[in-house]
N, C-alpha and C. Protein backbone atom coordinates (compact mmCIF):
# COMPACT_ATOMS: atom_id res chain seq x y z
N UNK A 1 160.07 110.04 235.63
CA UNK A 1 159.31 110.74 234.63
C UNK A 1 159.43 110.01 233.29
N UNK A 2 160.64 109.56 232.97
CA UNK A 2 160.87 108.84 231.72
C UNK A 2 160.09 107.53 231.72
N UNK A 3 159.95 106.92 232.89
CA UNK A 3 159.24 105.65 233.01
C UNK A 3 157.77 105.84 232.62
N UNK A 4 157.15 106.93 233.09
CA UNK A 4 155.74 107.18 232.78
C UNK A 4 155.54 107.53 231.31
N UNK A 5 156.50 108.21 230.73
CA UNK A 5 156.41 108.56 229.31
C UNK A 5 156.48 107.29 228.46
N UNK A 6 157.38 106.40 228.79
CA UNK A 6 157.50 105.13 228.08
C UNK A 6 156.25 104.29 228.27
N UNK A 7 155.72 104.28 229.49
CA UNK A 7 154.51 103.52 229.78
C UNK A 7 153.32 104.06 228.98
N UNK A 8 153.22 105.38 228.86
CA UNK A 8 152.14 106.00 228.07
C UNK A 8 152.27 105.63 226.60
N UNK A 9 153.51 105.64 226.09
CA UNK A 9 153.71 105.29 224.69
C UNK A 9 153.34 103.84 224.42
N UNK A 10 153.71 102.94 225.30
CA UNK A 10 153.36 101.53 225.14
C UNK A 10 151.85 101.35 225.22
N UNK A 11 151.21 102.02 226.17
CA UNK A 11 149.75 101.92 226.31
C UNK A 11 149.05 102.45 225.06
N UNK A 12 149.56 103.52 224.48
CA UNK A 12 148.97 104.08 223.27
C UNK A 12 149.12 103.11 222.10
N UNK A 13 150.29 102.52 221.96
CA UNK A 13 150.51 101.57 220.88
C UNK A 13 149.60 100.35 221.04
N UNK A 14 149.46 99.86 222.27
CA UNK A 14 148.59 98.71 222.52
C UNK A 14 147.14 99.08 222.24
N UNK A 15 146.72 100.25 222.69
CA UNK A 15 145.32 100.67 222.49
C UNK A 15 145.00 100.85 221.01
N UNK A 16 145.94 101.36 220.26
CA UNK A 16 145.70 101.54 218.83
C UNK A 16 145.83 100.23 218.06
N UNK A 17 146.60 99.28 218.56
CA UNK A 17 146.83 98.02 217.86
C UNK A 17 145.81 96.94 218.14
N UNK A 18 145.10 97.02 219.26
CA UNK A 18 144.14 95.98 219.63
C UNK A 18 143.05 95.78 218.58
N UNK A 19 142.46 96.84 218.03
CA UNK A 19 141.42 96.60 217.01
C UNK A 19 141.92 95.84 215.79
N UNK A 20 143.20 96.01 215.44
CA UNK A 20 143.73 95.29 214.29
C UNK A 20 143.96 93.82 214.59
N UNK A 21 144.24 93.50 215.85
CA UNK A 21 144.50 92.12 216.23
C UNK A 21 143.19 91.34 216.35
N UNK A 22 142.16 91.94 216.93
CA UNK A 22 140.92 91.24 217.20
C UNK A 22 139.83 91.49 216.17
N UNK A 23 140.13 92.18 215.12
CA UNK A 23 139.12 92.49 214.10
C UNK A 23 138.80 91.24 213.29
N UNK A 24 137.52 91.08 213.00
CA UNK A 24 137.10 89.97 212.15
C UNK A 24 137.38 90.33 210.70
N UNK A 25 137.72 89.35 209.89
CA UNK A 25 138.00 89.68 208.49
C UNK A 25 136.72 90.12 207.77
N UNK A 26 136.87 91.08 206.91
CA UNK A 26 135.75 91.56 206.12
C UNK A 26 135.80 90.88 204.77
N UNK A 27 134.82 90.03 204.52
CA UNK A 27 134.79 89.28 203.28
C UNK A 27 133.82 89.95 202.32
N UNK A 28 134.08 89.80 201.06
CA UNK A 28 133.21 90.39 200.05
C UNK A 28 131.88 89.66 200.03
N UNK A 29 130.81 90.44 199.94
CA UNK A 29 129.48 89.86 199.90
C UNK A 29 129.11 89.54 198.46
N UNK A 30 128.17 88.66 198.32
CA UNK A 30 127.67 88.32 197.00
C UNK A 30 126.53 89.26 196.63
N UNK A 31 126.69 90.53 196.93
CA UNK A 31 125.64 91.51 196.70
C UNK A 31 125.61 91.98 195.26
N UNK A 32 124.60 92.75 194.98
CA UNK A 32 124.43 93.31 193.65
C UNK A 32 125.13 94.66 193.58
N UNK A 33 126.10 94.79 192.69
CA UNK A 33 126.88 96.02 192.58
C UNK A 33 126.00 97.14 192.03
N UNK A 34 124.99 96.80 191.27
CA UNK A 34 124.08 97.80 190.70
C UNK A 34 123.35 98.58 191.78
N UNK A 35 123.04 97.93 192.89
CA UNK A 35 122.37 98.63 193.98
C UNK A 35 123.28 99.69 194.58
N UNK A 36 124.54 99.38 194.76
CA UNK A 36 125.50 100.33 195.30
C UNK A 36 125.67 101.50 194.33
N UNK A 37 125.76 101.17 193.05
CA UNK A 37 125.91 102.22 192.03
C UNK A 37 124.71 103.15 192.02
N UNK A 38 123.50 102.59 192.11
CA UNK A 38 122.29 103.42 192.14
C UNK A 38 122.25 104.29 193.39
N UNK A 39 122.70 103.73 194.52
CA UNK A 39 122.72 104.50 195.76
C UNK A 39 123.68 105.68 195.65
N UNK A 40 124.87 105.43 195.11
CA UNK A 40 125.87 106.50 194.98
C UNK A 40 125.37 107.57 194.01
N UNK A 41 124.76 107.14 192.91
CA UNK A 41 124.20 108.12 191.96
C UNK A 41 123.12 108.97 192.63
N UNK A 42 122.29 108.34 193.44
CA UNK A 42 121.23 109.09 194.14
C UNK A 42 121.82 110.11 195.11
N UNK A 43 122.85 109.70 195.84
CA UNK A 43 123.49 110.62 196.78
C UNK A 43 124.11 111.79 196.04
N UNK A 44 124.77 111.52 194.92
CA UNK A 44 125.40 112.59 194.14
C UNK A 44 124.34 113.55 193.61
N UNK A 45 123.22 113.03 193.15
CA UNK A 45 122.15 113.90 192.65
C UNK A 45 121.60 114.79 193.75
N UNK A 46 121.39 114.23 194.94
CA UNK A 46 120.85 115.02 196.05
C UNK A 46 121.84 116.09 196.47
N UNK A 47 123.12 115.73 196.60
CA UNK A 47 124.14 116.71 197.02
C UNK A 47 124.29 117.81 195.97
N UNK A 48 124.28 117.44 194.69
CA UNK A 48 124.39 118.44 193.63
C UNK A 48 123.17 119.35 193.62
N UNK A 49 122.00 118.80 193.86
CA UNK A 49 120.79 119.62 193.92
C UNK A 49 120.82 120.60 195.08
N UNK A 50 121.25 120.13 196.25
CA UNK A 50 121.34 121.02 197.41
C UNK A 50 122.39 122.10 197.20
N UNK A 51 123.52 121.73 196.62
CA UNK A 51 124.56 122.73 196.36
C UNK A 51 124.08 123.75 195.34
N UNK A 52 123.35 123.31 194.34
CA UNK A 52 122.78 124.25 193.37
C UNK A 52 121.77 125.18 194.01
N UNK A 53 120.98 124.65 194.92
CA UNK A 53 120.01 125.48 195.65
C UNK A 53 120.71 126.52 196.51
N UNK A 54 121.77 126.12 197.18
CA UNK A 54 122.52 127.05 198.01
C UNK A 54 123.19 128.12 197.15
N UNK A 55 123.75 127.72 196.01
CA UNK A 55 124.38 128.69 195.11
C UNK A 55 123.35 129.68 194.59
N UNK A 56 122.15 129.20 194.27
CA UNK A 56 121.08 130.09 193.83
C UNK A 56 120.72 131.08 194.93
N UNK A 57 120.69 130.61 196.15
CA UNK A 57 120.43 131.51 197.28
C UNK A 57 121.49 132.59 197.40
N UNK A 58 122.73 132.20 197.20
CA UNK A 58 123.80 133.20 197.27
C UNK A 58 123.74 134.18 196.10
N UNK A 59 123.31 133.69 194.93
CA UNK A 59 123.10 134.61 193.81
C UNK A 59 122.04 135.65 194.16
N UNK A 60 120.97 135.22 194.78
CA UNK A 60 119.90 136.15 195.17
C UNK A 60 120.41 137.14 196.21
N UNK A 61 121.12 136.66 197.22
CA UNK A 61 121.65 137.55 198.26
C UNK A 61 122.65 138.54 197.66
N UNK A 62 123.54 138.05 196.80
CA UNK A 62 124.51 138.93 196.17
C UNK A 62 123.84 139.96 195.29
N UNK A 63 122.81 139.55 194.55
CA UNK A 63 122.08 140.50 193.70
C UNK A 63 121.36 141.56 194.51
N UNK A 64 120.72 141.14 195.60
CA UNK A 64 120.04 142.12 196.45
C UNK A 64 121.03 143.08 197.10
N UNK A 65 122.16 142.56 197.52
CA UNK A 65 123.19 143.44 198.10
C UNK A 65 123.74 144.40 197.06
N UNK A 66 123.86 143.93 195.82
CA UNK A 66 124.34 144.79 194.74
C UNK A 66 123.35 145.92 194.47
N UNK A 67 122.08 145.58 194.46
CA UNK A 67 121.05 146.57 194.19
C UNK A 67 120.95 147.59 195.33
N UNK A 68 121.03 147.09 196.55
CA UNK A 68 120.83 147.97 197.71
C UNK A 68 122.13 148.57 198.24
N UNK A 69 123.22 148.48 197.49
CA UNK A 69 124.49 149.02 197.98
C UNK A 69 124.49 150.55 198.02
N UNK A 70 123.63 151.18 197.27
CA UNK A 70 123.47 152.65 197.26
C UNK A 70 124.78 153.37 196.97
N UNK A 71 125.60 152.81 196.14
CA UNK A 71 126.86 153.45 195.77
C UNK A 71 127.97 153.30 196.78
N UNK A 72 127.72 152.59 197.86
CA UNK A 72 128.76 152.34 198.86
C UNK A 72 129.77 151.35 198.29
N UNK A 73 131.02 151.78 198.07
CA UNK A 73 131.99 150.90 197.40
C UNK A 73 132.28 149.62 198.16
N UNK A 74 132.27 149.66 199.48
CA UNK A 74 132.56 148.45 200.26
C UNK A 74 131.46 147.41 200.08
N UNK A 75 130.22 147.85 200.17
CA UNK A 75 129.09 146.92 200.00
C UNK A 75 129.01 146.44 198.56
N UNK A 76 129.36 147.29 197.62
CA UNK A 76 129.35 146.92 196.21
C UNK A 76 130.40 145.84 195.92
N UNK A 77 131.60 146.01 196.47
CA UNK A 77 132.65 145.00 196.30
C UNK A 77 132.27 143.69 196.97
N UNK A 78 131.66 143.77 198.15
CA UNK A 78 131.23 142.56 198.84
C UNK A 78 130.17 141.83 198.03
N UNK A 79 129.24 142.57 197.45
CA UNK A 79 128.19 141.95 196.63
C UNK A 79 128.79 141.31 195.38
N UNK A 80 129.74 141.98 194.76
CA UNK A 80 130.40 141.42 193.57
C UNK A 80 131.13 140.13 193.93
N UNK A 81 131.83 140.13 195.05
CA UNK A 81 132.54 138.92 195.48
C UNK A 81 131.56 137.78 195.75
N UNK A 82 130.41 138.10 196.35
CA UNK A 82 129.40 137.07 196.60
C UNK A 82 128.91 136.47 195.30
N UNK A 83 128.66 137.32 194.31
CA UNK A 83 128.20 136.83 193.01
C UNK A 83 129.27 135.99 192.31
N UNK A 84 130.51 136.46 192.36
CA UNK A 84 131.60 135.73 191.70
C UNK A 84 131.80 134.36 192.34
N UNK A 85 131.87 134.32 193.67
CA UNK A 85 132.16 133.05 194.33
C UNK A 85 130.99 132.09 194.29
N UNK A 86 129.76 132.61 194.24
CA UNK A 86 128.63 131.70 194.07
C UNK A 86 128.65 131.10 192.66
N UNK A 87 129.07 131.88 191.67
CA UNK A 87 129.23 131.35 190.32
C UNK A 87 130.32 130.30 190.25
N UNK A 88 131.43 130.55 190.92
CA UNK A 88 132.52 129.57 190.96
C UNK A 88 132.05 128.28 191.64
N UNK A 89 131.34 128.43 192.75
CA UNK A 89 130.83 127.25 193.45
C UNK A 89 129.86 126.45 192.61
N UNK A 90 128.98 127.15 191.90
CA UNK A 90 128.03 126.46 191.03
C UNK A 90 128.75 125.75 189.90
N UNK A 91 129.78 126.38 189.34
CA UNK A 91 130.56 125.74 188.27
C UNK A 91 131.26 124.48 188.79
N UNK A 92 131.78 124.53 190.00
CA UNK A 92 132.45 123.37 190.59
C UNK A 92 131.45 122.23 190.80
N UNK A 93 130.25 122.57 191.28
CA UNK A 93 129.24 121.54 191.52
C UNK A 93 128.83 120.88 190.20
N UNK A 94 128.61 121.69 189.17
CA UNK A 94 128.23 121.13 187.87
C UNK A 94 129.35 120.26 187.31
N UNK A 95 130.59 120.73 187.42
CA UNK A 95 131.73 119.95 186.94
C UNK A 95 131.86 118.63 187.70
N UNK A 96 131.68 118.67 189.01
CA UNK A 96 131.76 117.44 189.81
C UNK A 96 130.67 116.46 189.42
N UNK A 97 129.47 116.97 189.17
CA UNK A 97 128.36 116.11 188.76
C UNK A 97 128.65 115.45 187.42
N UNK A 98 129.14 116.23 186.47
CA UNK A 98 129.46 115.70 185.14
C UNK A 98 130.60 114.69 185.22
N UNK A 99 131.65 115.01 185.96
CA UNK A 99 132.80 114.10 186.08
C UNK A 99 132.39 112.80 186.77
N UNK A 100 131.56 112.88 187.80
CA UNK A 100 131.13 111.66 188.48
C UNK A 100 130.29 110.78 187.55
N UNK A 101 129.47 111.39 186.70
CA UNK A 101 128.70 110.59 185.74
C UNK A 101 129.62 109.95 184.70
N UNK A 102 130.62 110.69 184.25
CA UNK A 102 131.56 110.12 183.27
C UNK A 102 132.33 108.96 183.88
N UNK A 103 132.82 109.13 185.11
CA UNK A 103 133.58 108.07 185.77
C UNK A 103 132.69 106.84 186.01
N UNK A 104 131.46 107.07 186.40
CA UNK A 104 130.54 105.95 186.63
C UNK A 104 130.26 105.20 185.33
N UNK A 105 130.03 105.93 184.25
CA UNK A 105 129.79 105.27 182.97
C UNK A 105 131.01 104.49 182.48
N UNK A 106 132.21 105.08 182.66
CA UNK A 106 133.43 104.38 182.26
C UNK A 106 133.67 103.13 183.09
N UNK A 107 133.42 103.24 184.39
CA UNK A 107 133.61 102.08 185.27
C UNK A 107 132.59 101.00 184.95
N UNK A 108 131.37 101.40 184.64
CA UNK A 108 130.34 100.41 184.31
C UNK A 108 130.69 99.69 183.02
N UNK A 109 131.16 100.44 182.03
CA UNK A 109 131.51 99.79 180.77
C UNK A 109 132.78 98.94 180.89
N UNK A 110 133.68 99.32 181.76
CA UNK A 110 134.94 98.57 181.92
C UNK A 110 134.73 97.29 182.75
N UNK A 111 133.95 97.38 183.82
CA UNK A 111 133.82 96.26 184.74
C UNK A 111 132.49 95.53 184.60
N UNK A 112 131.55 96.10 183.87
CA UNK A 112 130.25 95.47 183.73
C UNK A 112 129.38 95.71 184.94
N UNK A 113 128.15 95.29 184.83
CA UNK A 113 127.23 95.48 185.97
C UNK A 113 127.19 94.27 186.83
C-alpha cells in the first residue's frame, strides 16, 4: 500500500513538473503598450457599465418590493436590505472605476506610453 502511495506522489510531481521543464520561454514582444492600455480601459468601462446596470435593476426590484410589502415586516426588511446592498455594490463599482483610472494615469505618467 505504501508503495502505491509513493508511486502516486512521484507521478503527481512529475505530471505537475513536466510543463515547467518543456515550456518555451516567453519573451517580451515589441508591441505597443498603448493598445494593451486601451483594451484594459475598455474592459473596465464595460464591466463598470454592466455592474451599474445590474445595481440599477436591484434598486428597481428593492423599490417595488418596498412599495408592495403591504406592511409585512419581513418583506419590508428584505426590501430595505436589497436597497442597501445595491447601493453598497454601486458605490464599490464607482470606487473601483475611479481607482483604476487613477492608477492607469499614474502608471502612464510614471512609465510613459
